[in-house]
Every structure is written in structure tokens, then in C-alpha cells.
Amino acid sequence: MEKLKNLWEFFKKKPLYLAGLLVVLLAGGNFAMVTAEKFPHLACSPCHVMAPYVDAYDDSVLLSHAHAKANVNCIDCHENGIEDKVKETLWYVTDDFDDPPAKRHFDNKMCTKCHSDMDALIAKTDKGNGVNPHNSHLGDLTCSDCHKMHTQSKAACQNCHDFEFLHNLPPQWEKVQDPHTGEGTL
């Protein structure tokens, strides 16, 4: 924040520099918008802090790659207004950002834009054994309590339970930990 204040003080004294910066930012922003329209996930890659996320989107076992294969782009979930984009650009230009970026928590509205039929999902995952990860006794869990886009997912139920289905999850899921040894059991 201090860097931004110093930058603002500098530009107040040199308005032509400010005008030049605005022209460069507008031109760069226009280029970024055109790039984002044609290659949405590439619009996120110039920031070095975003590289691991873009790499995972392009090729990994993580949920972000599954969404990439379904033609879901970064900006489909990470919708930022112009104010956020300007702020993020300033953070990047002034090297004043969190690395790694702060984790964002999404409510179910984000997921249900595409995965809208929760009743069908509950029915699909009900195996008739009294255990259904999408109909938890814990009440209102959010999708992101278990499903992670850019890291391995972890079933919230494994914090207390050792259900058999937890041992057969695909590689994008964390291994179930033995509560006594702390070692993975997959």
C-alpha cells in the first residue's frame, strides 16, 4: 500500500507521466481484453504468481484441468470487474501482491451456475449405504469444503470418518490419512 501512495505522490507532481502511464495501461488493457476473448486462460498467465494455476489448468489431474477439458475458462469462475482488474494490474506493476495469492472461498452459487441440479447429484451419489457425501449430516457444506480447483481436493468427511469410498478416489483427491499414524492409506 505504501508503494501505491508513493507512486501517487510522484504522479501528482508529474501529470504528463501520469497521462503517459494511462495511455500505456489503456493500450495494454485493450490488448489483454482481445487476448482474453481469443485465449481466455492465457490472459491469466503473464503474472508469474499465476503460472502454477495456468499450468495446472493446461495439464494436471486437478479439477481445474477437468474444467479446461469441458471448455470452462478461468474468467468463467474468476469474474472480475474493471475496478478489480485495475487494482490487480497496479499490484502486479508495483510488485505489491500476495505470493501465493490469497485463497478465495466460493459459495455454492459459483458451482451451481453449471452444476445446477443438486437433487440429481444427491441421488447419483446415494449408494444406499447411509453415506452420501453430497447429503452430509453436517448440514450446509459448500462445494468448496471438499472440491478444490487448484490443489488436491479433500473430502470433509474424512476428517472424522474412514468410509471405504474414500480409499478409491481419483488422483485429484488427497489420500485418506490414517488417524493413528498420519500416513496415507491409498
Protein backbone atom coordinates (compact mmCIF):
# COMPACT_ATOMS: atom_id res chain seq x y z
CA MET A 1 0.00 0.00 0.00
CA GLU A 2 2.90 2.33 0.79
CA LYS A 3 4.26 1.83 -2.73
CA LEU A 4 0.94 2.95 -4.21
CA LYS A 5 0.93 6.09 -2.05
CA ASN A 6 4.47 6.96 -3.15
CA LEU A 7 3.54 6.33 -6.77
CA TRP A 8 0.51 8.59 -6.45
CA GLU A 9 2.62 11.38 -4.92
CA PHE A 10 5.07 11.09 -7.82
CA PHE A 11 2.31 11.32 -10.44
CA LYS A 12 0.69 14.31 -8.74
CA LYS A 13 3.95 16.19 -9.36
CA LYS A 14 4.38 14.90 -12.93
CA PRO A 15 0.96 14.88 -14.65
CA LEU A 16 2.43 14.17 -18.11
CA TYR A 17 3.93 10.95 -16.79
CA LEU A 18 0.52 10.05 -15.40
CA ALA A 19 -1.08 10.71 -18.80
CA GLY A 20 1.57 8.55 -20.47
CA LEU A 21 1.01 5.76 -17.99
CA LEU A 22 -2.74 5.90 -18.60
CA VAL A 23 -2.20 5.61 -22.36
CA VAL A 24 0.08 2.59 -21.85
CA LEU A 25 -2.40 1.00 -19.42
CA LEU A 26 -5.32 1.55 -21.79
CA ALA A 27 -3.39 0.10 -24.73
CA GLY A 28 -2.21 -2.84 -22.63
CA GLY A 29 -5.69 -3.34 -21.23
CA ASN A 30 -7.17 -3.34 -24.73
CA PHE A 31 -4.58 -5.91 -25.84
CA ALA A 32 -5.32 -8.02 -22.76
CA MET A 33 -9.05 -7.93 -23.43
CA VAL A 34 -8.59 -9.03 -27.04
CA THR A 35 -6.25 -11.81 -25.87
CA ALA A 36 -8.72 -12.83 -23.16
CA GLU A 37 -11.51 -13.15 -25.71
CA LYS A 38 -9.49 -15.35 -28.05
CA PHE A 39 -7.43 -17.28 -25.46
CA PRO A 40 -9.13 -16.85 -22.07
CA HIS A 41 -6.74 -18.89 -19.93
CA LEU A 42 -3.70 -17.14 -21.42
CA ALA A 43 -4.97 -13.81 -20.11
CA CYS A 44 -4.11 -15.04 -16.61
CA SER A 45 -0.63 -16.36 -17.41
CA PRO A 46 1.53 -13.19 -17.65
CA CYS A 47 1.65 -12.78 -13.87
CA HIS A 48 4.34 -15.13 -12.59
CA VAL A 49 2.30 -15.86 -9.47
CA MET A 50 -0.43 -17.27 -11.70
CA ALA A 51 1.86 -19.63 -13.63
CA PRO A 52 1.25 -22.70 -11.41
CA TYR A 53 -2.50 -22.23 -11.76
CA VAL A 54 -2.34 -21.85 -15.53
CA ASP A 55 -0.01 -24.87 -15.77
CA ALA A 56 -2.46 -26.95 -13.72
CA TYR A 57 -5.30 -25.74 -15.93
CA ASP A 58 -3.40 -26.84 -19.02
CA ASP A 59 -2.20 -30.24 -17.82
CA SER A 60 -2.82 -31.91 -14.49
CA VAL A 61 -5.04 -34.25 -12.55
CA LEU A 62 -6.56 -31.31 -10.69
CA LEU A 63 -10.17 -30.20 -11.02
CA SER A 64 -9.12 -27.06 -12.92
CA HIS A 65 -7.88 -29.27 -15.78
CA ALA A 66 -11.15 -31.23 -15.83
CA HIS A 67 -12.91 -27.89 -16.27
CA ALA A 68 -10.45 -26.92 -19.02
CA LYS A 69 -11.35 -30.09 -20.92
CA ALA A 70 -15.00 -29.01 -20.63
CA ASN A 71 -14.08 -25.60 -22.15
CA VAL A 72 -14.56 -23.73 -18.86
CA ASN A 73 -12.07 -20.85 -18.74
CA CYS A 74 -10.51 -19.02 -15.79
CA ILE A 75 -12.74 -16.00 -16.30
CA ASP A 76 -15.87 -18.16 -16.20
CA CYS A 77 -15.31 -18.51 -12.45
CA HIS A 78 -12.98 -15.60 -11.71
CA GLU A 79 -15.20 -12.80 -12.95
CA ASN A 80 -13.60 -9.50 -12.02
CA GLY A 81 -14.99 -6.09 -12.76
CA ILE A 82 -12.89 -3.30 -14.25
CA GLU A 83 -12.10 -1.94 -10.77
CA ASP A 84 -10.64 -5.30 -9.70
CA LYS A 85 -8.66 -5.59 -12.93
CA VAL A 86 -7.12 -2.14 -12.46
CA LYS A 87 -6.30 -2.93 -8.83
CA GLU A 88 -4.69 -6.27 -9.77
CA THR A 89 -2.67 -4.61 -12.53
CA LEU A 90 -1.38 -2.00 -10.09
CA TRP A 91 -0.45 -4.72 -7.61
CA TYR A 92 1.48 -6.52 -10.33
CA VAL A 93 3.20 -3.39 -11.70
CA THR A 94 4.23 -2.24 -8.21
CA ASP A 95 5.20 -5.77 -7.14
CA ASP A 96 2.78 -5.45 -4.22
CA PHE A 97 0.82 -8.70 -4.25
CA ASP A 98 0.44 -11.87 -2.21
CA ASP A 99 2.54 -14.79 -3.38
CA PRO A 100 0.91 -17.25 -3.38
CA PRO A 101 -2.38 -15.44 -3.96
CA ALA A 102 -4.84 -15.45 -1.11
CA LYS A 103 -7.26 -18.36 -1.25
CA ARG A 104 -10.73 -17.41 -2.35
CA HIS A 105 -13.78 -19.11 -0.92
CA PHE A 106 -16.69 -19.52 -3.29
CA ASP A 107 -20.21 -20.22 -2.20
CA ASN A 108 -22.34 -22.81 -3.96
CA LYS A 109 -23.73 -20.21 -6.38
CA MET A 110 -20.43 -20.34 -8.27
CA CYS A 111 -20.71 -24.09 -8.87
CA THR A 112 -24.46 -24.25 -9.40
CA LYS A 113 -24.21 -21.89 -12.37
CA CYS A 114 -23.20 -25.01 -14.31
CA HIS A 115 -23.88 -27.88 -11.91
CA SER A 116 -27.42 -26.80 -11.21
CA ASP A 117 -29.26 -29.97 -10.31
CA MET A 118 -28.20 -30.70 -6.72
CA ASP A 119 -31.07 -33.16 -6.22
CA ALA A 120 -29.80 -35.22 -9.16
CA LEU A 121 -26.26 -35.12 -7.73
CA ILE A 122 -27.51 -36.28 -4.33
CA ALA A 123 -29.43 -39.12 -6.00
CA LYS A 124 -26.41 -40.08 -8.14
CA THR A 125 -24.07 -40.30 -5.13
CA ASP A 126 -26.53 -42.16 -2.88
CA LYS A 127 -25.33 -45.76 -2.78
CA GLY A 128 -27.99 -46.85 -0.29
CA ASN A 129 -25.48 -47.39 2.50
CA GLY A 130 -26.34 -44.32 4.57
CA VAL A 131 -23.23 -42.48 3.37
CA ASN A 132 -23.68 -39.70 0.83
CA PRO A 133 -21.00 -37.02 0.54
CA HIS A 134 -23.48 -34.64 -1.09
CA ASN A 135 -26.08 -35.04 1.64
CA SER A 136 -23.99 -34.64 4.78
CA HIS A 137 -25.17 -34.86 8.36
CA LEU A 138 -23.02 -31.77 8.94
CA GLY A 139 -25.67 -29.67 7.26
CA ASP A 140 -24.87 -26.91 4.82
CA LEU A 141 -21.43 -27.67 3.49
CA THR A 142 -20.32 -25.72 0.45
CA CYS A 143 -18.95 -27.42 -2.64
CA SER A 144 -15.54 -25.89 -1.89
CA ASP A 145 -15.43 -27.54 1.54
CA CYS A 146 -14.41 -30.67 -0.38
CA HIS A 147 -13.78 -29.75 -4.02
CA LYS A 148 -10.65 -27.70 -4.75
CA MET A 149 -9.84 -26.38 -8.20
CA HIS A 150 -6.11 -25.68 -7.96
CA THR A 151 -4.97 -28.11 -5.25
CA GLN A 152 -5.89 -31.64 -4.37
CA SER A 153 -9.45 -31.95 -3.14
CA LYS A 154 -10.11 -33.36 0.30
CA ALA A 155 -13.38 -34.92 1.38
CA ALA A 156 -14.55 -33.13 4.51
CA CYS A 157 -16.00 -36.39 5.84
CA GLN A 158 -12.51 -37.91 6.08
CA ASN A 159 -11.75 -35.60 8.99
CA CYS A 160 -13.83 -37.92 11.18
CA HIS A 161 -14.76 -40.97 9.08
CA ASP A 162 -12.89 -43.68 7.19
CA PHE A 163 -15.51 -44.67 4.63
CA GLU A 164 -14.50 -47.24 2.04
CA PHE A 165 -15.26 -44.96 -0.92
CA LEU A 166 -12.60 -42.55 0.35
CA HIS A 167 -9.92 -45.15 -0.47
CA ASN A 168 -10.92 -45.33 -4.14
CA LEU A 169 -10.96 -41.66 -5.09
CA PRO A 170 -9.17 -40.48 -8.26
CA PRO A 171 -5.72 -38.84 -8.02
CA GLN A 172 -7.05 -35.28 -7.74
CA TRP A 173 -8.14 -36.19 -4.19
CA GLU A 174 -5.83 -36.22 -1.17
CA LYS A 175 -5.02 -39.62 0.22
CA VAL A 176 -7.03 -40.63 3.25
CA GLN A 177 -4.87 -40.29 6.34
CA ASP A 178 -4.80 -42.99 8.98
CA PRO A 179 -5.90 -41.11 12.12
CA HIS A 180 -3.39 -43.09 14.24
CA THR A 181 -0.26 -42.95 12.09
CA GLY A 182 -0.97 -39.91 9.91
CA GLU A 183 0.12 -41.89 6.86
CA GLY A 184 -1.81 -42.20 3.63
CA THR A 185 -3.77 -45.39 3.23
CA LEU A 186 -4.29 -45.33 -0.53
